[in-house]
């Protein structure tokens, strides 16, 4: 498998915490005195698993593609597409370090 490297490394915000409540996976900012539900982000189980794998590390799209291909029954093309959607969402929601 040849995974295209994009050399654009990023990192998840270290101040955010993944919480699992029942079957829901939530990203919260524990520094808030009161939980502002407009800044709580929900993740599906795959995205939550990826969050755990990536937290505290620098990564790029290829890192996510490799994790998906190695741990799920998905081909590289689908993993590449899924990784781009996930990263675009993380960026849009402000979950990546600047």
C-alpha atoms as a PDB file:
ATOM      1  CA  UNK A   1       0.000   0.000   0.000  1.00  0.00           C
ATOM      2  CA  UNK A   2       1.388   3.399  -1.002  1.00  0.00           C
ATOM      3  CA  UNK A   3      -0.214   6.151   1.011  1.00  0.00           C
ATOM      4  CA  UNK A   4       0.269   9.651  -0.342  1.00  0.00           C
ATOM      5  CA  UNK A   5       2.028  11.877   2.166  1.00  0.00           C
ATOM      6  CA  UNK A   6       0.834  15.475   2.167  1.00  0.00           C
ATOM      7  CA  UNK A   7       3.498  16.717   4.630  1.00  0.00           C
ATOM      8  CA  UNK A   8       0.937  18.971   6.317  1.00  0.00           C
ATOM      9  CA  UNK A   9       1.260  17.986   9.958  1.00  0.00           C
ATOM     10  CA  UNK A  10      -1.313  18.958  12.515  1.00  0.00           C
ATOM     11  CA  UNK A  11      -2.178  18.208  16.114  1.00  0.00           C
ATOM     12  CA  UNK A  12      -5.399  17.917  18.093  1.00  0.00           C
ATOM     13  CA  UNK A  13      -5.973  20.653  20.661  1.00  0.00           C
ATOM     14  CA  UNK A  14      -4.498  19.408  23.920  1.00  0.00           C
ATOM     15  CA  UNK A  15      -7.001  21.356  26.045  1.00  0.00           C
ATOM     16  CA  UNK A  16      -9.954  19.299  24.772  1.00  0.00           C
ATOM     17  CA  UNK A  17     -11.071  16.012  26.307  1.00  0.00           C
ATOM     18  CA  UNK A  18     -12.995  13.098  24.809  1.00  0.00           C
ATOM     19  CA  UNK A  19     -15.809  11.885  27.066  1.00  0.00           C
ATOM     20  CA  UNK A  20     -17.988   8.860  26.407  1.00  0.00           C
ATOM     21  CA  UNK A  21     -21.479   8.925  27.876  1.00  0.00           C
ATOM     22  CA  UNK A  22     -23.406   5.797  26.999  1.00  0.00           C
ATOM     23  CA  UNK A  23     -22.921   5.383  23.264  1.00  0.00           C
ATOM     24  CA  UNK A  24     -22.193   9.081  22.708  1.00  0.00           C
ATOM     25  CA  UNK A  25     -18.651  10.403  22.244  1.00  0.00           C
ATOM     26  CA  UNK A  26     -18.263  14.086  23.109  1.00  0.00           C
ATOM     27  CA  UNK A  27     -15.340  16.493  22.828  1.00  0.00           C
ATOM     28  CA  UNK A  28     -15.511  19.034  25.641  1.00  0.00           C
ATOM     29  CA  UNK A  29     -13.413  21.924  26.904  1.00  0.00           C
ATOM     30  CA  UNK A  30     -12.883  21.156  30.609  1.00  0.00           C
ATOM     31  CA  UNK A  31     -11.673  24.694  31.309  1.00  0.00           C
ATOM     32  CA  UNK A  32     -15.232  26.014  31.023  1.00  0.00           C
ATOM     33  CA  UNK A  33     -16.882  26.638  34.390  1.00  0.00           C
ATOM     34  CA  UNK A  34     -20.237  25.629  32.963  1.00  0.00           C
ATOM     35  CA  UNK A  35     -20.634  23.390  29.950  1.00  0.00           C
ATOM     36  CA  UNK A  36     -21.607  25.436  26.925  1.00  0.00           C
ATOM     37  CA  UNK A  37     -23.473  22.956  24.750  1.00  0.00           C
ATOM     38  CA  UNK A  38     -22.745  25.058  21.678  1.00  0.00           C
ATOM     39  CA  UNK A  39     -19.080  24.085  22.085  1.00  0.00           C
ATOM     40  CA  UNK A  40     -19.588  20.361  22.708  1.00  0.00           C
ATOM     41  CA  UNK A  41     -18.786  18.272  19.645  1.00  0.00           C
ATOM     42  CA  UNK A  42     -20.064  14.767  19.029  1.00  0.00           C
ATOM     43  CA  UNK A  43     -18.038  12.081  17.284  1.00  0.00           C
ATOM     44  CA  UNK A  44     -19.039   8.700  15.926  1.00  0.00           C
ATOM     45  CA  UNK A  45     -17.219   5.659  17.324  1.00  0.00           C
ATOM     46  CA  UNK A  46     -14.606   5.593  14.527  1.00  0.00           C
ATOM     47  CA  UNK A  47     -13.806   9.299  14.910  1.00  0.00           C
ATOM     48  CA  UNK A  48     -13.598   8.851  18.705  1.00  0.00           C
ATOM     49  CA  UNK A  49     -11.186   5.922  18.239  1.00  0.00           C
ATOM     50  CA  UNK A  50      -9.080   8.029  15.871  1.00  0.00           C
ATOM     51  CA  UNK A  51      -9.090  10.901  18.401  1.00  0.00           C
ATOM     52  CA  UNK A  52      -7.633   8.536  21.006  1.00  0.00           C
ATOM     53  CA  UNK A  53      -4.970   7.290  18.568  1.00  0.00           C
ATOM     54  CA  UNK A  54      -3.964  10.810  17.505  1.00  0.00           C
ATOM     55  CA  UNK A  55      -4.088  12.826  20.733  1.00  0.00           C
ATOM     56  CA  UNK A  56      -0.742  14.254  21.734  1.00  0.00           C
ATOM     57  CA  UNK A  57       0.861  13.401  18.383  1.00  0.00           C
ATOM     58  CA  UNK A  58       1.624  15.257  15.188  1.00  0.00           C
ATOM     59  CA  UNK A  59      -0.110  13.614  12.240  1.00  0.00           C
ATOM     60  CA  UNK A  60      -1.146  14.139   8.651  1.00  0.00           C
ATOM     61  CA  UNK A  61      -3.833  12.738   6.377  1.00  0.00           C
ATOM     62  CA  UNK A  62      -1.662   9.720   5.574  1.00  0.00           C
ATOM     63  CA  UNK A  63      -1.487   8.835   9.288  1.00  0.00           C
ATOM     64  CA  UNK A  64      -5.283   8.659   9.453  1.00  0.00           C
ATOM     65  CA  UNK A  65      -5.520   6.691   6.198  1.00  0.00           C
ATOM     66  CA  UNK A  66      -3.027   4.161   7.545  1.00  0.00           C
ATOM     67  CA  UNK A  67      -4.897   3.809  10.857  1.00  0.00           C
ATOM     68  CA  UNK A  68      -8.194   3.301   9.041  1.00  0.00           C
ATOM     69  CA  UNK A  69      -6.772   0.747   6.589  1.00  0.00           C
ATOM     70  CA  UNK A  70      -4.961  -1.182   9.329  1.00  0.00           C
ATOM     71  CA  UNK A  71      -7.919  -1.344  11.720  1.00  0.00           C
ATOM     72  CA  UNK A  72     -11.064  -1.320   9.585  1.00  0.00           C
ATOM     73  CA  UNK A  73     -12.177  -3.147   6.482  1.00  0.00           C
ATOM     74  CA  UNK A  74     -11.798  -0.170   4.191  1.00  0.00           C
ATOM     75  CA  UNK A  75      -9.783   0.369   1.025  1.00  0.00           C
ATOM     76  CA  UNK A  76      -7.259   3.167   0.687  1.00  0.00           C
ATOM     77  CA  UNK A  77      -9.462   5.288  -1.579  1.00  0.00           C
ATOM     78  CA  UNK A  78     -12.356   5.238   0.899  1.00  0.00           C
ATOM     79  CA  UNK A  79      -9.991   5.839   3.842  1.00  0.00           C
ATOM     80  CA  UNK A  80      -8.465   8.844   2.027  1.00  0.00           C
ATOM     81  CA  UNK A  81     -11.931  10.294   1.432  1.00  0.00           C
ATOM     82  CA  UNK A  82     -13.021   9.670   5.032  1.00  0.00           C
ATOM     83  CA  UNK A  83      -9.790  11.184   6.419  1.00  0.00           C
ATOM     84  CA  UNK A  84     -10.257  14.373   4.386  1.00  0.00           C
ATOM     85  CA  UNK A  85     -13.861  14.754   5.586  1.00  0.00           C
ATOM     86  CA  UNK A  86     -12.849  14.153   9.210  1.00  0.00           C
ATOM     87  CA  UNK A  87      -9.976  16.646   9.090  1.00  0.00           C
ATOM     88  CA  UNK A  88     -12.113  19.273   7.387  1.00  0.00           C
ATOM     89  CA  UNK A  89     -14.677  18.854  10.165  1.00  0.00           C
ATOM     90  CA  UNK A  90     -12.012  19.000  12.902  1.00  0.00           C
ATOM     91  CA  UNK A  91     -10.634  22.181  11.340  1.00  0.00           C
ATOM     92  CA  UNK A  92     -14.071  23.767  10.891  1.00  0.00           C
ATOM     93  CA  UNK A  93     -14.957  23.064  14.528  1.00  0.00           C
ATOM     94  CA  UNK A  94     -11.642  24.417  15.806  1.00  0.00           C
ATOM     95  CA  UNK A  95     -10.443  21.096  17.217  1.00  0.00           C
ATOM     96  CA  UNK A  96      -6.919  21.371  15.774  1.00  0.00           C
ATOM     97  CA  UNK A  97      -4.061  23.417  17.215  1.00  0.00           C
ATOM     98  CA  UNK A  98      -3.248  26.559  15.265  1.00  0.00           C
END
